[in-house]
């Protein structure tokens, strides 16, 4: 279970971190719904890269939705 730094709790939906989720989904959801980048994983780790990829894919999805209209 991942815990959020107390300094960052006000910026994210803390209840989501109590539920099991992949690092990719956390990155995607943080970008898509909370509009924050709060990567809690060790820099350079596999989980860190998955979170980053989730963030990147969420930005692509948002841009695609904006240009589709």
N, C-alpha and C. Protein backbone atom coordinates (compact mmCIF):
# COMPACT_ATOMS: atom_id res chain seq x y z
N UNK A 1 0.85 -1.18 0.00
CA UNK A 1 0.00 0.00 0.00
C UNK A 1 0.90 1.24 0.00
N UNK A 2 0.61 2.18 -0.85
CA UNK A 2 1.38 3.41 -0.95
C UNK A 2 0.74 4.49 -0.08
N UNK A 3 1.56 5.15 0.68
CA UNK A 3 1.09 6.28 1.49
C UNK A 3 1.56 7.57 0.85
N UNK A 4 0.78 8.61 1.00
CA UNK A 4 1.10 9.91 0.43
C UNK A 4 1.79 10.75 1.49
N UNK A 5 2.78 11.50 1.07
CA UNK A 5 3.45 12.43 1.96
C UNK A 5 2.41 13.39 2.53
N UNK A 6 2.43 13.66 3.82
CA UNK A 6 1.46 14.58 4.41
C UNK A 6 1.43 15.95 3.72
N UNK A 7 2.55 16.37 3.17
CA UNK A 7 2.60 17.66 2.50
C UNK A 7 1.81 17.66 1.19
N UNK A 8 1.54 16.48 0.63
CA UNK A 8 0.86 16.40 -0.66
C UNK A 8 -0.60 15.98 -0.57
N UNK A 9 -1.06 15.59 0.59
CA UNK A 9 -2.42 15.07 0.75
C UNK A 9 -3.47 16.04 0.24
N UNK A 10 -3.28 17.32 0.45
CA UNK A 10 -4.30 18.28 0.02
C UNK A 10 -4.44 18.36 -1.50
N UNK A 11 -3.47 17.83 -2.25
CA UNK A 11 -3.49 17.94 -3.71
C UNK A 11 -4.05 16.71 -4.42
N UNK A 12 -4.26 15.63 -3.73
CA UNK A 12 -4.75 14.41 -4.37
C UNK A 12 -5.90 13.82 -3.57
N UNK A 13 -6.61 12.92 -4.21
CA UNK A 13 -7.69 12.20 -3.54
C UNK A 13 -7.06 11.06 -2.74
N UNK A 14 -6.85 11.28 -1.46
CA UNK A 14 -6.11 10.34 -0.63
C UNK A 14 -6.78 8.97 -0.55
N UNK A 15 -8.10 8.90 -0.64
CA UNK A 15 -8.77 7.61 -0.53
C UNK A 15 -8.36 6.65 -1.63
N UNK A 16 -7.96 7.16 -2.79
CA UNK A 16 -7.57 6.27 -3.89
C UNK A 16 -6.30 5.50 -3.55
N UNK A 17 -5.47 6.02 -2.69
CA UNK A 17 -4.22 5.35 -2.36
C UNK A 17 -4.42 4.22 -1.36
N UNK A 18 -5.62 4.06 -0.87
CA UNK A 18 -5.93 2.93 0.00
C UNK A 18 -6.38 1.73 -0.83
N UNK A 19 -6.72 1.93 -2.09
CA UNK A 19 -7.18 0.85 -2.95
C UNK A 19 -6.01 0.31 -3.78
N UNK A 20 -6.01 -1.01 -4.06
CA UNK A 20 -4.94 -1.54 -4.89
C UNK A 20 -5.04 -1.00 -6.32
N UNK A 21 -3.94 -0.57 -6.86
CA UNK A 21 -3.90 -0.05 -8.23
C UNK A 21 -2.48 -0.19 -8.75
N UNK A 22 -2.34 -0.32 -10.04
CA UNK A 22 -1.00 -0.40 -10.62
C UNK A 22 -0.39 1.00 -10.65
N UNK A 23 0.93 1.08 -10.70
CA UNK A 23 1.56 2.40 -10.83
C UNK A 23 1.08 3.13 -12.08
N UNK A 24 0.85 2.39 -13.17
CA UNK A 24 0.36 3.01 -14.41
C UNK A 24 -0.99 3.68 -14.17
N UNK A 25 -1.92 2.97 -13.53
CA UNK A 25 -3.26 3.53 -13.29
C UNK A 25 -3.20 4.72 -12.35
N UNK A 26 -2.32 4.67 -11.37
CA UNK A 26 -2.18 5.83 -10.46
C UNK A 26 -1.71 7.04 -11.23
N UNK A 27 -0.72 6.86 -12.10
CA UNK A 27 -0.23 7.98 -12.90
C UNK A 27 -1.31 8.52 -13.82
N UNK A 28 -2.03 7.60 -14.47
CA UNK A 28 -3.10 8.01 -15.39
C UNK A 28 -4.18 8.78 -14.63
N UNK A 29 -4.64 8.20 -13.52
CA UNK A 29 -5.72 8.83 -12.75
C UNK A 29 -5.29 10.16 -12.14
N UNK A 30 -4.06 10.24 -11.64
CA UNK A 30 -3.59 11.50 -11.06
C UNK A 30 -3.64 12.61 -12.10
N UNK A 31 -3.22 12.30 -13.31
CA UNK A 31 -3.22 13.32 -14.36
C UNK A 31 -4.64 13.63 -14.81
N UNK A 32 -5.39 12.61 -15.06
CA UNK A 32 -6.71 12.75 -15.67
C UNK A 32 -7.73 13.40 -14.74
N UNK A 33 -7.73 12.99 -13.48
CA UNK A 33 -8.79 13.42 -12.57
C UNK A 33 -8.33 14.44 -11.53
N UNK A 34 -7.11 14.32 -11.04
CA UNK A 34 -6.63 15.26 -10.02
C UNK A 34 -5.74 16.35 -10.62
N UNK A 35 -5.28 16.13 -11.85
CA UNK A 35 -4.43 17.10 -12.55
C UNK A 35 -3.16 17.41 -11.78
N UNK A 36 -2.55 16.36 -11.22
CA UNK A 36 -1.29 16.51 -10.50
C UNK A 36 -0.30 15.44 -10.92
N UNK A 37 0.97 15.71 -10.69
CA UNK A 37 2.03 14.72 -10.85
C UNK A 37 2.62 14.49 -9.48
N UNK A 38 2.25 13.36 -8.88
CA UNK A 38 2.72 13.01 -7.54
C UNK A 38 3.25 11.58 -7.62
N UNK A 39 4.43 11.41 -8.19
CA UNK A 39 5.01 10.08 -8.37
C UNK A 39 5.67 9.65 -7.06
N UNK A 40 5.05 8.68 -6.35
CA UNK A 40 5.58 8.29 -5.04
C UNK A 40 6.69 7.23 -5.10
N UNK A 41 7.03 6.79 -6.29
CA UNK A 41 7.97 5.68 -6.44
C UNK A 41 9.42 6.16 -6.55
N UNK A 42 10.35 5.26 -6.26
CA UNK A 42 11.77 5.56 -6.33
C UNK A 42 12.15 5.91 -7.76
N UNK A 43 12.85 7.03 -7.94
CA UNK A 43 13.24 7.49 -9.27
C UNK A 43 14.03 6.42 -9.99
N UNK A 44 13.62 6.13 -11.23
CA UNK A 44 14.30 5.15 -12.06
C UNK A 44 13.80 3.72 -11.91
N UNK A 45 12.94 3.46 -10.92
CA UNK A 45 12.41 2.10 -10.72
C UNK A 45 11.38 1.78 -11.79
N UNK A 46 11.06 0.50 -11.93
CA UNK A 46 10.05 0.07 -12.90
C UNK A 46 8.70 0.73 -12.59
N UNK A 47 8.37 0.81 -11.31
CA UNK A 47 7.10 1.44 -10.91
C UNK A 47 7.09 2.91 -11.27
N UNK A 48 8.22 3.59 -11.07
CA UNK A 48 8.33 5.01 -11.41
C UNK A 48 8.07 5.21 -12.90
N UNK A 49 8.66 4.36 -13.74
CA UNK A 49 8.47 4.47 -15.19
C UNK A 49 7.02 4.18 -15.59
N UNK A 50 6.39 3.21 -14.91
CA UNK A 50 4.98 2.91 -15.20
C UNK A 50 4.08 4.09 -14.85
N UNK A 51 4.33 4.70 -13.69
CA UNK A 51 3.56 5.88 -13.29
C UNK A 51 3.73 6.98 -14.34
N UNK A 52 4.97 7.21 -14.74
CA UNK A 52 5.26 8.22 -15.75
C UNK A 52 4.54 7.95 -17.06
N UNK A 53 4.50 6.68 -17.47
CA UNK A 53 3.81 6.31 -18.71
C UNK A 53 2.31 6.56 -18.58
N UNK A 54 1.74 6.29 -17.42
CA UNK A 54 0.33 6.58 -17.18
C UNK A 54 0.05 8.06 -17.31
N UNK A 55 0.93 8.89 -16.77
CA UNK A 55 0.80 10.34 -16.90
C UNK A 55 0.83 10.75 -18.37
N UNK A 56 1.80 10.22 -19.10
CA UNK A 56 1.97 10.56 -20.51
C UNK A 56 0.73 10.16 -21.32
N UNK A 57 0.23 8.94 -21.10
CA UNK A 57 -0.95 8.48 -21.83
C UNK A 57 -2.19 9.30 -21.50
N UNK A 58 -2.32 9.73 -20.25
CA UNK A 58 -3.47 10.57 -19.87
C UNK A 58 -3.41 11.91 -20.60
N UNK A 59 -2.20 12.48 -20.73
CA UNK A 59 -2.06 13.74 -21.48
C UNK A 59 -2.43 13.53 -22.94
N UNK A 60 -2.01 12.41 -23.53
CA UNK A 60 -2.37 12.13 -24.93
C UNK A 60 -3.88 12.00 -25.09
N UNK A 61 -4.51 11.31 -24.16
CA UNK A 61 -5.97 11.14 -24.22
C UNK A 61 -6.69 12.48 -24.11
N UNK A 62 -6.22 13.34 -23.20
CA UNK A 62 -6.84 14.65 -23.04
C UNK A 62 -6.68 15.49 -24.30
N UNK A 63 -5.49 15.46 -24.88
CA UNK A 63 -5.25 16.23 -26.11
C UNK A 63 -6.08 15.70 -27.26
N UNK A 64 -6.24 14.40 -27.35
CA UNK A 64 -7.05 13.80 -28.42
C UNK A 64 -8.52 14.22 -28.28
N UNK A 65 -9.00 14.26 -27.05
CA UNK A 65 -10.40 14.67 -26.82
C UNK A 65 -10.60 16.14 -27.20
N UNK A 66 -9.64 16.97 -26.87
CA UNK A 66 -9.77 18.40 -27.21
C UNK A 66 -9.75 18.65 -28.70
N UNK A 67 -8.93 17.92 -29.43
CA UNK A 67 -8.83 18.14 -30.88
C UNK A 67 -9.95 17.44 -31.63
N UNK A 68 -10.65 16.51 -31.01
CA UNK A 68 -11.73 15.78 -31.69
C UNK A 68 -12.99 16.63 -31.81
N UNK A 69 -13.12 17.65 -31.01
CA UNK A 69 -14.36 18.45 -31.03
C UNK A 69 -14.27 19.60 -31.98
